[in-house]
Protein backbone atom coordinates (compact mmCIF):
# COMPACT_ATOMS: atom_id res chain seq x y z
CA MET A 1 56.20 164.34 -43.77
CA GLN A 2 57.09 167.76 -44.51
CA GLU A 3 54.46 170.64 -44.85
CA PRO A 4 53.62 172.20 -48.14
CA THR A 5 55.49 175.70 -48.78
CA ASN A 6 54.65 178.20 -51.63
CA ASP A 7 58.28 177.27 -52.88
CA MET A 8 57.78 173.29 -52.67
CA VAL A 9 54.12 173.46 -54.17
CA LEU A 10 55.38 175.53 -56.93
CA ASN A 11 58.35 173.40 -57.55
CA LEU A 12 56.15 170.33 -57.79
CA LEU A 13 53.98 172.31 -60.05
CA GLN A 14 56.63 173.36 -62.70
CA GLU A 15 57.99 169.98 -62.64
CA THR A 16 54.70 168.39 -63.12
CA PHE A 17 52.89 171.38 -65.69
CA ASN A 18 55.80 173.48 -66.65
CA ASP A 19 54.34 173.69 -70.46
CA ARG A 20 50.89 174.38 -69.21
CA ILE A 21 51.62 176.97 -66.44
CA LEU A 22 51.83 180.73 -67.95
CA LYS A 23 52.55 182.65 -64.71
CA THR A 24 53.52 182.59 -61.30
CA GLU A 25 53.57 185.01 -58.52
CA VAL A 26 53.62 185.17 -54.49
CA VAL A 27 51.18 188.02 -53.40
CA ARG A 28 50.80 188.66 -49.73
CA ASN A 29 52.16 184.80 -49.27
CA GLN A 30 49.75 183.28 -51.77
CA LEU A 31 51.15 181.37 -54.45
CA GLN A 32 49.45 182.64 -57.56
CA ILE A 33 49.51 180.70 -60.81
CA GLU A 34 47.96 181.35 -64.23
CA VAL A 35 47.31 178.27 -65.90
CA ILE A 36 45.27 176.91 -69.87
CA GLY A 37 42.18 176.48 -69.22
CA THR A 38 42.10 172.74 -70.60
CA HIS A 39 44.85 171.70 -67.93
CA VAL A 40 42.90 173.68 -64.69
CA TYR A 41 40.89 170.10 -63.84
CA GLU A 42 44.36 167.98 -63.83
CA LEU A 43 46.13 170.75 -62.18
CA ILE A 44 43.93 170.85 -59.35
CA LYS A 45 43.10 167.10 -58.82
CA PHE A 46 47.32 167.18 -58.50
CA LEU A 47 47.29 169.83 -56.05
CA LYS A 48 44.44 167.62 -53.87
CA ASP A 49 45.72 164.07 -54.23
CA ASP A 50 49.21 164.33 -54.19
CA GLU A 51 50.37 164.21 -50.36
CA ARG A 52 53.03 166.51 -50.47
CA CYS A 53 50.53 169.41 -51.59
CA ASP A 54 47.20 168.09 -49.93
CA PHE A 55 44.93 171.13 -50.58
CA SER A 56 41.69 169.23 -49.42
CA TYR A 57 39.27 172.48 -49.20
CA LEU A 58 38.17 174.34 -51.90
CA VAL A 59 37.35 177.73 -50.66
CA ASP A 60 35.77 179.43 -53.63
CA ILE A 61 35.31 179.89 -57.34
CA GLY A 62 34.82 182.68 -58.88
CA GLY A 63 34.12 184.40 -62.44
CA VAL A 64 35.77 187.92 -63.82
CA ASP A 65 35.07 189.63 -66.96
CA PHE A 66 37.87 191.42 -68.35
CA LEU A 67 35.62 193.33 -71.03
CA LYS A 68 37.15 196.56 -72.01
CA ASN A 69 40.18 196.75 -69.71
CA GLY A 70 42.31 194.10 -71.24
CA ASP A 71 43.93 192.85 -68.12
CA GLY A 72 43.63 189.00 -69.35
CA PRO A 73 43.97 187.35 -72.65
CA GLU A 74 40.58 186.34 -72.96
CA ARG A 75 37.39 188.03 -71.89
CA PHE A 76 36.59 186.01 -68.98
CA GLY A 77 38.32 184.25 -66.32
CA VAL A 78 37.67 181.79 -63.82
CA ILE A 79 39.37 182.16 -60.29
CA TYR A 80 39.67 179.08 -57.83
CA ILE A 81 41.01 179.13 -54.39
CA LEU A 82 42.11 176.14 -52.50
CA GLN A 83 43.61 175.72 -49.28
CA ASN A 84 45.95 172.81 -47.54
CA MET A 85 43.67 172.41 -43.74
CA ASN A 86 47.08 171.12 -42.37
CA ASN A 87 48.93 174.81 -42.27
CA TYR A 88 46.30 176.99 -43.73
CA LEU A 89 48.64 177.48 -46.84
CA ARG A 90 46.62 179.16 -49.71
CA ILE A 91 46.87 178.93 -53.79
CA ILE A 92 44.94 180.71 -56.27
CA ILE A 93 44.66 179.55 -59.58
CA ARG A 94 43.26 181.73 -62.44
CA THR A 95 42.60 180.77 -65.85
CA TYR A 96 41.07 182.54 -69.03
CA ILE A 97 38.41 181.44 -71.24
CA SER A 98 37.26 182.87 -74.74
CA GLU A 99 34.09 184.25 -75.24
CA GLU A 100 33.40 181.96 -77.73
CA ASP A 101 34.29 179.09 -75.59
CA LEU A 102 32.43 179.70 -72.17
CA GLU A 103 33.28 175.94 -70.95
CA ILE A 104 35.25 174.58 -68.66
CA ASP A 105 35.52 171.28 -66.72
CA SER A 106 33.63 171.46 -63.50
CA LEU A 107 35.56 170.65 -60.28
CA THR A 108 32.34 168.72 -58.66
CA PRO A 109 33.98 164.97 -59.09
CA LEU A 110 36.60 166.52 -57.10
CA TYR A 111 35.09 168.59 -54.63
CA LEU A 112 31.43 168.75 -53.63
CA ALA A 113 31.45 172.41 -52.50
CA ALA A 114 32.22 172.99 -55.90
CA ASN A 115 28.48 172.50 -56.79
CA TRP A 116 26.97 175.78 -55.96
CA ALA A 117 30.09 177.91 -56.40
CA GLU A 118 30.00 176.93 -60.24
CA ARG A 119 26.28 177.25 -60.34
CA GLU A 120 26.77 181.09 -59.20
CA VAL A 121 29.61 181.52 -61.64
CA TYR A 122 27.47 180.05 -64.53
CA ASP A 123 24.29 182.03 -63.58
CA MET A 124 26.05 185.54 -62.99
CA PHE A 125 28.41 185.20 -65.77
CA GLY A 126 27.08 182.42 -68.30
CA ILE A 127 30.56 180.16 -67.86
CA SER A 128 29.23 176.32 -68.17
CA PHE A 129 31.17 173.56 -66.35
CA LYS A 130 31.24 170.45 -68.68
CA GLY A 131 30.34 167.57 -66.06
CA HIS A 132 28.77 169.69 -63.80
CA PRO A 133 25.58 167.30 -62.12
CA ASP A 134 22.93 170.34 -61.90
CA LEU A 135 24.04 172.86 -63.91
CA ARG A 136 21.14 175.28 -63.54
CA ARG A 137 20.60 178.80 -62.65
CA ILE A 138 20.72 179.24 -58.39
CA LEU A 139 20.25 183.36 -58.14
CA MET A 140 18.14 184.48 -60.87
CA PRO A 141 14.94 183.04 -61.90
CA ASP A 142 15.27 180.18 -64.39
CA ASP A 143 13.94 182.24 -67.14
CA TYR A 144 15.84 185.48 -66.72
CA GLU A 145 17.88 186.41 -69.99
CA GLY A 146 21.36 187.32 -69.68
CA HIS A 147 24.02 187.23 -66.81
CA PRO A 148 24.10 190.26 -64.42
CA LEU A 149 28.02 190.61 -63.91
CA ARG A 150 29.01 190.84 -67.35
CA LYS A 151 30.18 194.17 -68.18
CA ASP A 152 27.98 194.24 -70.98
CA TYR A 153 24.74 194.13 -68.77
CA PRO A 154 22.82 197.59 -68.66
CA LEU A 155 23.81 199.54 -65.27
CA GLN A 156 20.00 199.66 -64.89
CA GLY A 157 18.89 196.57 -65.74
CA ARG A 158 17.02 195.51 -68.69
CA GLY A 159 13.80 197.36 -67.39
CA GLU A 160 13.12 194.90 -64.60
CA ARG A 161 13.18 197.86 -62.14
CA GLU A 162 10.83 200.17 -63.70
CA ASN A 163 8.13 196.79 -63.32
CA PHE A 164 8.34 197.43 -59.37
CA SER A 165 6.66 200.25 -57.45
CA ARG A 166 9.22 201.67 -55.35
CA TYR A 167 7.18 200.81 -52.18
CA GLU A 168 5.91 197.49 -53.26
CA TYR A 169 7.78 195.56 -50.74
CA TYR A 170 8.82 198.21 -48.18
CA GLU A 171 6.77 200.99 -47.04
CA PRO A 172 8.66 203.00 -43.97
CA SER A 173 5.02 204.19 -42.68
CA LYS A 174 3.83 200.64 -41.90
CA VAL A 175 7.13 199.72 -39.88
């Protein structure tokens, strides 16, 4: 079986998902695909399950807030990085989500590693992952209001810093 290349994977994706792919490019020898959000799950499932691609490793999932800079067609983006463990070929998949509909399908049925990564994105950006088995905060307290990596989050926080003494946890004189 021939090991996948960027050109081969791109051709397979264009044959199968042509009308659902918004943009493709190769940057630093990594194929980057922008896809319509409602089709991310099926595209990633194809990349994982099709033996010609074999992207069996989920490297990471991240969120992006495009507020005010207009880099994306919607306010929020979700980025997935997959890797083929046989030849270490990587692919980056981007999709966009509107502020009104902050939900996308969870990848936990495909990759167990998606569990915590999706929880981080949920916690920091407020993007929900439909079908996630345990979608709750992972970094912030359960009763915390807001999502700290959103660009409209106040730079000084929402007053929580003023509630703590500067030396409450660390006093250089006691070290």
